[in-house]
Amino acid sequence: MDLSDSGAAVNLVAGLVIAAGVLGVLLPVLPGLLLTWGGVLFWALLSDAGGPVRWLVLALATVIAGAGAVTKFLWPGRKLSDSGVPGPTLLAGGVTGLVGFFVVPVVGLVLGFLLGVYLVEAARLGAGRAWPSTRRALAAVGLSLLVELAAALGIAVVWVFGLILG
């Protein structure tokens, strides 16, 4: 396979986009899961792999991406609400996280979210009792990241199997 072969070039570009998507999960500058799925879509549309294989890979990638996108919000959110962190606190954390995303590149989203949760909980419960809620919020952020990373890696693995079988 040489790079003048259009199939090899499509595979290379798709692989780079998928790798960038996996990295994007870890660095919130890039839309990780969407980018990973987009790499598979690019490959499915332009690849010269066997027809049914590439469409099956795209379908599996779509299911994994959809399940990951929904689960990364629902599971940590449920754990937070079950642990007693109220909705307005989460909303404040989300707003300050959004502000932090633009103020502090790369880590601002997480830092802003945690700062917002801490400040609202400190106002509500006092500074000493705000830390446990903030710790639970940090655990929820970590869980969300792990869910999205697992989905992105699952998509990458399905794509590699598609390359092998196609």
N, C-alpha and C. Protein backbone atom coordinates (compact mmCIF):
# COMPACT_ATOMS: atom_id res chain seq x y z
N MET A 1 0.84 -1.17 0.00
CA MET A 1 0.00 0.00 0.00
C MET A 1 0.89 1.24 0.00
N ASP A 2 0.75 2.08 -0.99
CA ASP A 2 1.51 3.32 -0.94
C ASP A 2 0.54 4.49 -0.90
N LEU A 3 1.02 5.64 -0.49
CA LEU A 3 0.12 6.76 -0.22
C LEU A 3 -0.52 7.35 -1.47
N SER A 4 -0.05 6.96 -2.65
CA SER A 4 -0.72 7.44 -3.86
C SER A 4 -2.02 6.67 -4.09
N ASP A 5 -2.18 5.55 -3.41
CA ASP A 5 -3.41 4.77 -3.46
C ASP A 5 -4.47 5.52 -2.64
N SER A 6 -5.60 5.83 -3.27
CA SER A 6 -6.62 6.64 -2.58
C SER A 6 -7.17 5.92 -1.35
N GLY A 7 -7.27 4.61 -1.39
CA GLY A 7 -7.76 3.86 -0.23
C GLY A 7 -6.84 4.01 0.96
N ALA A 8 -5.53 3.97 0.71
CA ALA A 8 -4.56 4.14 1.80
C ALA A 8 -4.63 5.55 2.35
N ALA A 9 -4.80 6.52 1.48
CA ALA A 9 -4.89 7.91 1.94
C ALA A 9 -6.14 8.12 2.78
N VAL A 10 -7.26 7.54 2.37
CA VAL A 10 -8.50 7.64 3.14
C VAL A 10 -8.31 6.98 4.51
N ASN A 11 -7.68 5.80 4.53
CA ASN A 11 -7.44 5.12 5.80
C ASN A 11 -6.55 5.95 6.71
N LEU A 12 -5.51 6.56 6.14
CA LEU A 12 -4.59 7.37 6.93
C LEU A 12 -5.30 8.60 7.52
N VAL A 13 -6.04 9.31 6.68
CA VAL A 13 -6.75 10.51 7.15
C VAL A 13 -7.79 10.12 8.21
N ALA A 14 -8.53 9.06 7.96
CA ALA A 14 -9.54 8.61 8.93
C ALA A 14 -8.87 8.23 10.25
N GLY A 15 -7.75 7.53 10.17
CA GLY A 15 -7.03 7.15 11.39
C GLY A 15 -6.54 8.35 12.17
N LEU A 16 -6.04 9.36 11.45
CA LEU A 16 -5.58 10.58 12.12
C LEU A 16 -6.73 11.34 12.78
N VAL A 17 -7.87 11.39 12.10
CA VAL A 17 -9.04 12.07 12.67
C VAL A 17 -9.55 11.31 13.90
N ILE A 18 -9.56 9.99 13.82
CA ILE A 18 -9.99 9.18 14.96
C ILE A 18 -9.04 9.37 16.14
N ALA A 19 -7.73 9.36 15.86
CA ALA A 19 -6.74 9.58 16.93
C ALA A 19 -6.90 10.98 17.54
N ALA A 20 -7.16 11.98 16.70
CA ALA A 20 -7.38 13.33 17.21
C ALA A 20 -8.64 13.37 18.08
N GLY A 21 -9.64 12.60 17.71
CA GLY A 21 -10.86 12.53 18.52
C GLY A 21 -10.61 11.91 19.88
N VAL A 22 -9.82 10.84 19.91
CA VAL A 22 -9.50 10.22 21.20
C VAL A 22 -8.72 11.21 22.07
N LEU A 23 -7.78 11.93 21.46
CA LEU A 23 -7.05 12.97 22.20
C LEU A 23 -7.99 14.09 22.64
N GLY A 24 -8.97 14.39 21.79
CA GLY A 24 -9.93 15.44 22.11
C GLY A 24 -10.78 15.13 23.33
N VAL A 25 -10.95 13.86 23.63
CA VAL A 25 -11.67 13.49 24.85
C VAL A 25 -10.85 13.93 26.07
N LEU A 26 -9.55 13.77 25.98
CA LEU A 26 -8.67 14.11 27.10
C LEU A 26 -8.38 15.60 27.19
N LEU A 27 -8.36 16.27 26.05
CA LEU A 27 -8.14 17.72 25.99
C LEU A 27 -9.42 18.37 25.49
N PRO A 28 -10.18 19.02 26.35
CA PRO A 28 -11.50 19.49 25.94
C PRO A 28 -11.51 20.64 24.94
N VAL A 29 -10.44 20.80 24.18
CA VAL A 29 -10.41 21.81 23.12
C VAL A 29 -11.12 21.26 21.88
N LEU A 30 -11.02 19.96 21.67
CA LEU A 30 -11.61 19.31 20.50
C LEU A 30 -12.86 18.53 20.91
N PRO A 31 -13.85 18.45 20.02
CA PRO A 31 -15.03 17.64 20.32
C PRO A 31 -14.71 16.16 20.10
N GLY A 32 -14.16 15.51 21.11
CA GLY A 32 -13.58 14.18 20.98
C GLY A 32 -14.46 13.12 20.37
N LEU A 33 -15.60 12.87 20.97
CA LEU A 33 -16.46 11.79 20.51
C LEU A 33 -17.00 12.07 19.12
N LEU A 34 -17.38 13.30 18.86
CA LEU A 34 -17.88 13.68 17.54
C LEU A 34 -16.80 13.54 16.48
N LEU A 35 -15.59 13.93 16.81
CA LEU A 35 -14.47 13.82 15.88
C LEU A 35 -14.14 12.36 15.59
N THR A 36 -14.17 11.53 16.62
CA THR A 36 -13.90 10.10 16.44
C THR A 36 -14.95 9.48 15.52
N TRP A 37 -16.21 9.78 15.78
CA TRP A 37 -17.28 9.26 14.92
C TRP A 37 -17.15 9.83 13.51
N GLY A 38 -16.78 11.10 13.39
CA GLY A 38 -16.60 11.72 12.07
C GLY A 38 -15.51 11.05 11.25
N GLY A 39 -14.45 10.59 11.92
CA GLY A 39 -13.40 9.86 11.21
C GLY A 39 -13.92 8.56 10.62
N VAL A 40 -14.77 7.88 11.37
CA VAL A 40 -15.37 6.63 10.86
C VAL A 40 -16.34 6.94 9.73
N LEU A 41 -17.11 8.01 9.85
CA LEU A 41 -18.02 8.42 8.78
C LEU A 41 -17.23 8.72 7.50
N PHE A 42 -16.15 9.48 7.63
CA PHE A 42 -15.28 9.79 6.49
C PHE A 42 -14.79 8.51 5.83
N TRP A 43 -14.33 7.57 6.65
CA TRP A 43 -13.83 6.30 6.13
C TRP A 43 -14.94 5.50 5.44
N ALA A 44 -16.13 5.46 6.05
CA ALA A 44 -17.23 4.69 5.48
C ALA A 44 -17.68 5.26 4.14
N LEU A 45 -17.67 6.58 4.01
CA LEU A 45 -18.12 7.21 2.77
C LEU A 45 -17.10 7.11 1.65
N LEU A 46 -15.82 7.18 1.97
CA LEU A 46 -14.79 7.29 0.93
C LEU A 46 -13.89 6.08 0.80
N SER A 47 -14.01 5.12 1.67
CA SER A 47 -13.12 3.96 1.65
C SER A 47 -13.49 3.02 0.51
N ASP A 48 -12.49 2.25 0.11
CA ASP A 48 -12.77 1.22 -0.89
C ASP A 48 -12.90 -0.15 -0.23
N ALA A 49 -13.14 -0.17 1.08
CA ALA A 49 -13.35 -1.42 1.81
C ALA A 49 -14.67 -2.05 1.35
N GLY A 50 -14.85 -3.31 1.70
CA GLY A 50 -16.07 -4.01 1.32
C GLY A 50 -17.31 -3.28 1.81
N GLY A 51 -18.31 -3.15 0.94
CA GLY A 51 -19.50 -2.37 1.23
C GLY A 51 -20.18 -2.67 2.55
N PRO A 52 -20.58 -3.93 2.79
CA PRO A 52 -21.30 -4.20 4.03
C PRO A 52 -20.46 -3.95 5.29
N VAL A 53 -19.16 -4.20 5.20
CA VAL A 53 -18.30 -4.04 6.37
C VAL A 53 -18.25 -2.58 6.81
N ARG A 54 -18.04 -1.69 5.87
CA ARG A 54 -17.91 -0.28 6.26
C ARG A 54 -19.21 0.28 6.81
N TRP A 55 -20.34 -0.16 6.28
CA TRP A 55 -21.61 0.34 6.80
C TRP A 55 -21.92 -0.27 8.16
N LEU A 56 -21.52 -1.51 8.37
CA LEU A 56 -21.68 -2.12 9.69
C LEU A 56 -20.80 -1.40 10.72
N VAL A 57 -19.57 -1.08 10.33
CA VAL A 57 -18.67 -0.35 11.22
C VAL A 57 -19.26 1.02 11.56
N LEU A 58 -19.79 1.71 10.55
CA LEU A 58 -20.40 3.02 10.80
C LEU A 58 -21.61 2.89 11.73
N ALA A 59 -22.43 1.87 11.51
CA ALA A 59 -23.60 1.67 12.38
C ALA A 59 -23.18 1.40 13.82
N LEU A 60 -22.18 0.54 14.00
CA LEU A 60 -21.69 0.25 15.35
C LEU A 60 -21.08 1.49 15.99
N ALA A 61 -20.32 2.25 15.21
CA ALA A 61 -19.71 3.48 15.73
C ALA A 61 -20.79 4.48 16.13
N THR A 62 -21.87 4.55 15.36
CA THR A 62 -22.97 5.46 15.67
C THR A 62 -23.66 5.06 16.98
N VAL A 63 -23.88 3.77 17.15
CA VAL A 63 -24.51 3.28 18.39
C VAL A 63 -23.60 3.57 19.59
N ILE A 64 -22.31 3.29 19.43
CA ILE A 64 -21.36 3.53 20.54
C ILE A 64 -21.29 5.02 20.86
N ALA A 65 -21.21 5.86 19.82
CA ALA A 65 -21.13 7.32 20.04
C ALA A 65 -22.40 7.83 20.71
N GLY A 66 -23.55 7.38 20.25
CA GLY A 66 -24.81 7.82 20.85
C GLY A 66 -24.93 7.37 22.30
N ALA A 67 -24.61 6.11 22.54
CA ALA A 67 -24.67 5.59 23.91
C ALA A 67 -23.68 6.32 24.81
N GLY A 68 -22.49 6.58 24.30
CA GLY A 68 -21.48 7.29 25.09
C GLY A 68 -21.89 8.72 25.38
N ALA A 69 -22.46 9.40 24.39
CA ALA A 69 -22.87 10.79 24.57
C ALA A 69 -23.98 10.92 25.60
N VAL A 70 -24.92 9.99 25.58
CA VAL A 70 -26.02 10.03 26.54
C VAL A 70 -25.54 9.62 27.93
N THR A 71 -24.77 8.54 27.98
CA THR A 71 -24.31 8.00 29.27
C THR A 71 -23.38 8.96 29.99
N LYS A 72 -22.55 9.69 29.24
CA LYS A 72 -21.58 10.58 29.90
C LYS A 72 -22.27 11.72 30.66
N PHE A 73 -23.52 12.00 30.33
CA PHE A 73 -24.27 13.02 31.08
C PHE A 73 -25.19 12.39 32.13
N LEU A 74 -25.88 11.32 31.76
CA LEU A 74 -26.88 10.76 32.67
C LEU A 74 -26.28 10.07 33.89
N TRP A 75 -25.27 9.24 33.68
CA TRP A 75 -24.72 8.46 34.79
C TRP A 75 -24.08 9.36 35.86
N PRO A 76 -23.13 10.24 35.48
CA PRO A 76 -22.56 11.13 36.52
C PRO A 76 -23.60 12.08 37.12
N GLY A 77 -24.53 12.55 36.29
CA GLY A 77 -25.57 13.44 36.81
C GLY A 77 -26.44 12.76 37.85
N ARG A 78 -26.78 11.51 37.60
CA ARG A 78 -27.59 10.76 38.56
C ARG A 78 -26.81 10.53 39.85
N LYS A 79 -25.52 10.20 39.71
CA LYS A 79 -24.70 9.99 40.92
C LYS A 79 -24.61 11.27 41.74
N LEU A 80 -24.50 12.41 41.05
CA LEU A 80 -24.42 13.68 41.78
C LEU A 80 -25.73 14.00 42.49
N SER A 81 -26.84 13.84 41.78
CA SER A 81 -28.13 14.16 42.41
C SER A 81 -28.45 13.17 43.53
N ASP A 82 -28.05 11.90 43.37
CA ASP A 82 -28.27 10.92 44.43
C ASP A 82 -27.42 11.22 45.66
N SER A 83 -26.27 11.87 45.46
CA SER A 83 -25.39 12.18 46.59
C SER A 83 -25.80 13.47 47.30
N GLY A 84 -26.82 14.15 46.81
CA GLY A 84 -27.33 15.32 47.50
C GLY A 84 -26.87 16.65 46.96
N VAL A 85 -26.17 16.67 45.84
CA VAL A 85 -25.78 17.94 45.23
C VAL A 85 -27.00 18.44 44.45
N PRO A 86 -27.56 19.60 44.81
CA PRO A 86 -28.81 20.05 44.18
C PRO A 86 -28.62 20.56 42.75
N GLY A 87 -29.71 20.58 42.02
CA GLY A 87 -29.71 21.03 40.63
C GLY A 87 -29.17 22.43 40.42
N PRO A 88 -29.58 23.42 41.21
CA PRO A 88 -29.04 24.77 41.01
C PRO A 88 -27.51 24.83 41.16
N THR A 89 -26.97 24.00 42.03
CA THR A 89 -25.51 23.95 42.18
C THR A 89 -24.87 23.44 40.89
N LEU A 90 -25.47 22.40 40.31
CA LEU A 90 -24.94 21.86 39.05
C LEU A 90 -25.08 22.87 37.93
N LEU A 91 -26.19 23.60 37.92
CA LEU A 91 -26.39 24.63 36.90
C LEU A 91 -25.33 25.72 37.03
N ALA A 92 -25.06 26.15 38.26
CA ALA A 92 -24.02 27.17 38.48
C ALA A 92 -22.66 26.63 38.05
N GLY A 93 -22.40 25.37 38.36
CA GLY A 93 -21.15 24.75 37.93
C GLY A 93 -21.04 24.71 36.41
N GLY A 94 -22.14 24.40 35.75
CA GLY A 94 -22.14 24.38 34.28
C GLY A 94 -21.88 25.74 33.68
N VAL A 95 -22.50 26.77 34.25
CA VAL A 95 -22.31 28.14 33.74
C VAL A 95 -20.87 28.59 33.95
N THR A 96 -20.34 28.38 35.16
CA THR A 96 -18.95 28.80 35.40
C THR A 96 -17.98 27.93 34.62
N GLY A 97 -18.35 26.69 34.36
CA GLY A 97 -17.52 25.85 33.50
C GLY A 97 -17.46 26.39 32.08
N LEU A 98 -18.59 26.85 31.58
CA LEU A 98 -18.63 27.43 30.24
C LEU A 98 -17.79 28.70 30.17
N VAL A 99 -17.89 29.53 31.19
CA VAL A 99 -17.05 30.74 31.24
C VAL A 99 -15.58 30.34 31.32
N GLY A 100 -15.28 29.37 32.17
CA GLY A 100 -13.90 28.91 32.31
C GLY A 100 -13.32 28.35 31.04
N PHE A 101 -14.16 27.72 30.22
CA PHE A 101 -13.71 27.16 28.95
C PHE A 101 -13.10 28.23 28.06
N PHE A 102 -13.69 29.43 28.08
CA PHE A 102 -13.18 30.51 27.24
C PHE A 102 -12.08 31.32 27.91
N VAL A 103 -12.07 31.34 29.24
CA VAL A 103 -11.08 32.15 29.96
C VAL A 103 -9.75 31.41 30.09
N VAL A 104 -9.79 30.13 30.43
CA VAL A 104 -8.58 29.33 30.63
C VAL A 104 -8.59 28.19 29.62
N PRO A 105 -7.81 28.28 28.57
CA PRO A 105 -7.81 27.23 27.55
C PRO A 105 -7.46 25.85 28.14
N VAL A 106 -8.00 24.83 27.56
CA VAL A 106 -7.78 23.42 27.84
C VAL A 106 -8.43 22.96 29.15
N VAL A 107 -8.07 23.51 30.29
CA VAL A 107 -8.57 23.00 31.57
C VAL A 107 -9.66 23.88 32.18
N GLY A 108 -10.01 24.97 31.53
CA GLY A 108 -10.96 25.92 32.10
C GLY A 108 -12.35 25.36 32.33
N LEU A 109 -12.78 24.46 31.48
CA LEU A 109 -14.12 23.88 31.63
C LEU A 109 -14.24 23.15 32.96
N VAL A 110 -13.29 22.29 33.23
CA VAL A 110 -13.32 21.51 34.47
C VAL A 110 -13.10 22.41 35.68
N LEU A 111 -12.10 23.30 35.59
CA LEU A 111 -11.83 24.20 36.72
C LEU A 111 -13.02 25.11 37.01
N GLY A 112 -13.63 25.65 35.96
CA GLY A 112 -14.79 26.51 36.15
C GLY A 112 -15.96 25.77 36.78
N PHE A 113 -16.19 24.54 36.32
CA PHE A 113 -17.27 23.73 36.88
C PHE A 113 -17.05 23.49 38.37
N LEU A 114 -15.84 23.06 38.71
CA LEU A 114 -15.54 22.77 40.12
C LEU A 114 -15.61 24.03 40.98
N LEU A 115 -15.10 25.14 40.46
CA LEU A 115 -15.15 26.40 41.20
C LEU A 115 -16.60 26.84 41.43
N GLY A 116 -17.43 26.71 40.40
CA GLY A 116 -18.84 27.07 40.54
C GLY A 116 -19.55 26.22 41.57
N VAL A 117 -19.29 24.91 41.54
CA VAL A 117 -19.91 24.02 42.53
C VAL A 117 -19.44 24.40 43.93
N TYR A 118 -18.15 24.63 44.09
CA TYR A 118 -17.62 24.98 45.41
C TYR A 118 -18.23 26.28 45.94
N LEU A 119 -18.27 27.30 45.08
CA LEU A 119 -18.78 28.60 45.53
C LEU A 119 -20.25 28.54 45.93
N VAL A 120 -21.06 27.86 45.14
CA VAL A 120 -22.49 27.76 45.46
C VAL A 120 -22.70 26.93 46.73
N GLU A 121 -21.96 25.83 46.84
CA GLU A 121 -22.10 25.00 48.03
C GLU A 121 -21.55 25.71 49.27
N ALA A 122 -20.50 26.52 49.11
CA ALA A 122 -19.97 27.29 50.24
C ALA A 122 -20.99 28.32 50.70
N ALA A 123 -21.68 28.93 49.76
CA ALA A 123 -22.72 29.90 50.12
C ALA A 123 -23.91 29.21 50.79
N ARG A 124 -24.20 28.00 50.34
CA ARG A 124 -25.36 27.27 50.84
C ARG A 124 -25.08 26.59 52.18
N LEU A 125 -23.91 25.94 52.29
CA LEU A 125 -23.62 25.10 53.46
C LEU A 125 -22.51 25.63 54.36
N GLY A 126 -21.73 26.56 53.84
CA GLY A 126 -20.53 27.00 54.56
C GLY A 126 -19.30 26.38 53.91
N ALA A 127 -18.18 27.05 54.07
CA ALA A 127 -16.95 26.62 53.38
C ALA A 127 -16.50 25.23 53.80
N GLY A 128 -16.65 24.89 55.06
CA GLY A 128 -16.20 23.59 55.54
C GLY A 128 -16.99 22.43 54.96
N ARG A 129 -18.27 22.62 54.73
CA ARG A 129 -19.11 21.54 54.21
C ARG A 129 -19.23 21.57 52.69
N ALA A 130 -18.62 22.55 52.04
CA ALA A 130 -18.70 22.63 50.58
C ALA A 130 -17.74 21.66 49.91
N TRP A 131 -16.65 21.32 50.57
CA TRP A 131 -15.64 20.47 49.94
C TRP A 131 -16.16 19.08 49.58
N PRO A 132 -16.94 18.38 50.44
CA PRO A 132 -17.45 17.06 50.02
C PRO A 132 -18.28 17.11 48.74
N SER A 133 -19.10 18.14 48.58
CA SER A 133 -19.88 18.27 47.34
C SER A 133 -18.97 18.51 46.15
N THR A 134 -17.93 19.30 46.36
CA THR A 134 -16.98 19.57 45.28
C THR A 134 -16.23 18.30 44.90
N ARG A 135 -15.88 17.50 45.90
CA ARG A 135 -15.20 16.23 45.64
C ARG A 135 -16.11 15.29 44.84
N ARG A 136 -17.38 15.25 45.19
CA ARG A 136 -18.32 14.41 44.43
C ARG A 136 -18.47 14.93 43.00
N ALA A 137 -18.45 16.25 42.83
CA ALA A 137 -18.51 16.82 41.48
C ALA A 137 -17.26 16.46 40.69
N LEU A 138 -16.10 16.47 41.34
CA LEU A 138 -14.86 16.08 40.67
C LEU A 138 -14.92 14.62 40.25
N ALA A 139 -15.45 13.76 41.12
CA ALA A 139 -15.60 12.35 40.77
C ALA A 139 -16.56 12.19 39.59
N ALA A 140 -17.60 12.99 39.54
CA ALA A 140 -18.55 12.92 38.42
C ALA A 140 -17.89 13.37 37.12
N VAL A 141 -17.05 14.41 37.19
CA VAL A 141 -16.32 14.85 36.00
C VAL A 141 -15.41 13.73 35.51
N GLY A 142 -14.72 13.08 36.44
CA GLY A 142 -13.85 11.96 36.07
C GLY A 142 -14.62 10.81 35.45
N LEU A 143 -15.77 10.49 36.02
CA LEU A 143 -16.61 9.43 35.47
C LEU A 143 -17.08 9.77 34.06
N SER A 144 -17.48 11.02 33.86
CA SER A 144 -17.91 11.47 32.54
C SER A 144 -16.78 11.33 31.52
N LEU A 145 -15.58 11.72 31.92
CA LEU A 145 -14.42 11.61 31.05
C LEU A 145 -14.13 10.16 30.71
N LEU A 146 -14.21 9.28 31.69
CA LEU A 146 -13.95 7.86 31.44
C LEU A 146 -14.99 7.24 30.52
N VAL A 147 -16.24 7.62 30.68
CA VAL A 147 -17.30 7.11 29.80
C VAL A 147 -17.04 7.55 28.37
N GLU A 148 -16.72 8.83 28.18
CA GLU A 148 -16.47 9.34 26.83
C GLU A 148 -15.21 8.71 26.23
N LEU A 149 -14.18 8.52 27.04
CA LEU A 149 -12.95 7.89 26.56
C LEU A 149 -13.21 6.44 26.16
N ALA A 150 -13.98 5.72 26.96
CA ALA A 150 -14.32 4.34 26.62
C ALA A 150 -15.09 4.28 25.31
N ALA A 151 -16.01 5.20 25.10
CA ALA A 151 -16.77 5.23 23.84
C ALA A 151 -15.86 5.54 22.66
N ALA A 152 -14.97 6.52 22.81
CA ALA A 152 -14.06 6.88 21.71
C ALA A 152 -13.12 5.72 21.39
N LEU A 153 -12.59 5.07 22.41
CA LEU A 153 -11.71 3.92 22.17
C LEU A 153 -12.49 2.76 21.57
N GLY A 154 -13.74 2.57 22.00
CA GLY A 154 -14.58 1.53 21.40
C GLY A 154 -14.80 1.77 19.92
N ILE A 155 -15.04 3.02 19.55
CA ILE A 155 -15.21 3.38 18.14
C ILE A 155 -13.92 3.09 17.38
N ALA A 156 -12.78 3.45 17.96
CA ALA A 156 -11.49 3.21 17.30
C ALA A 156 -11.25 1.72 17.10
N VAL A 157 -11.58 0.91 18.09
CA VAL A 157 -11.39 -0.54 17.97
C VAL A 157 -12.30 -1.11 16.89
N VAL A 158 -13.55 -0.68 16.85
CA VAL A 158 -14.47 -1.15 15.81
C VAL A 158 -13.93 -0.77 14.44
N TRP A 159 -13.39 0.44 14.30
CA TRP A 159 -12.83 0.87 13.02
C TRP A 159 -11.63 0.01 12.62
N VAL A 160 -10.76 -0.31 13.57
CA VAL A 160 -9.60 -1.16 13.27
C VAL A 160 -10.07 -2.53 12.79
N PHE A 161 -11.08 -3.10 13.45
CA PHE A 161 -11.63 -4.37 12.98
C PHE A 161 -12.22 -4.23 11.57
N GLY A 162 -12.84 -3.09 11.30
CA GLY A 162 -13.35 -2.84 9.96
C GLY A 162 -12.24 -2.79 8.92
N LEU A 163 -11.10 -2.20 9.29
CA LEU A 163 -9.95 -2.19 8.38
C LEU A 163 -9.46 -3.60 8.11
N ILE A 164 -9.40 -4.41 9.15
CA ILE A 164 -8.90 -5.78 9.01
C ILE A 164 -9.86 -6.63 8.17
N LEU A 165 -11.15 -6.50 8.45
CA LEU A 165 -12.14 -7.34 7.76
C LEU A 165 -12.51 -6.82 6.37
N GLY A 166 -12.33 -5.50 6.17
CA GLY A 166 -12.74 -4.90 4.90
C GLY A 166 -11.70 -5.09 3.88
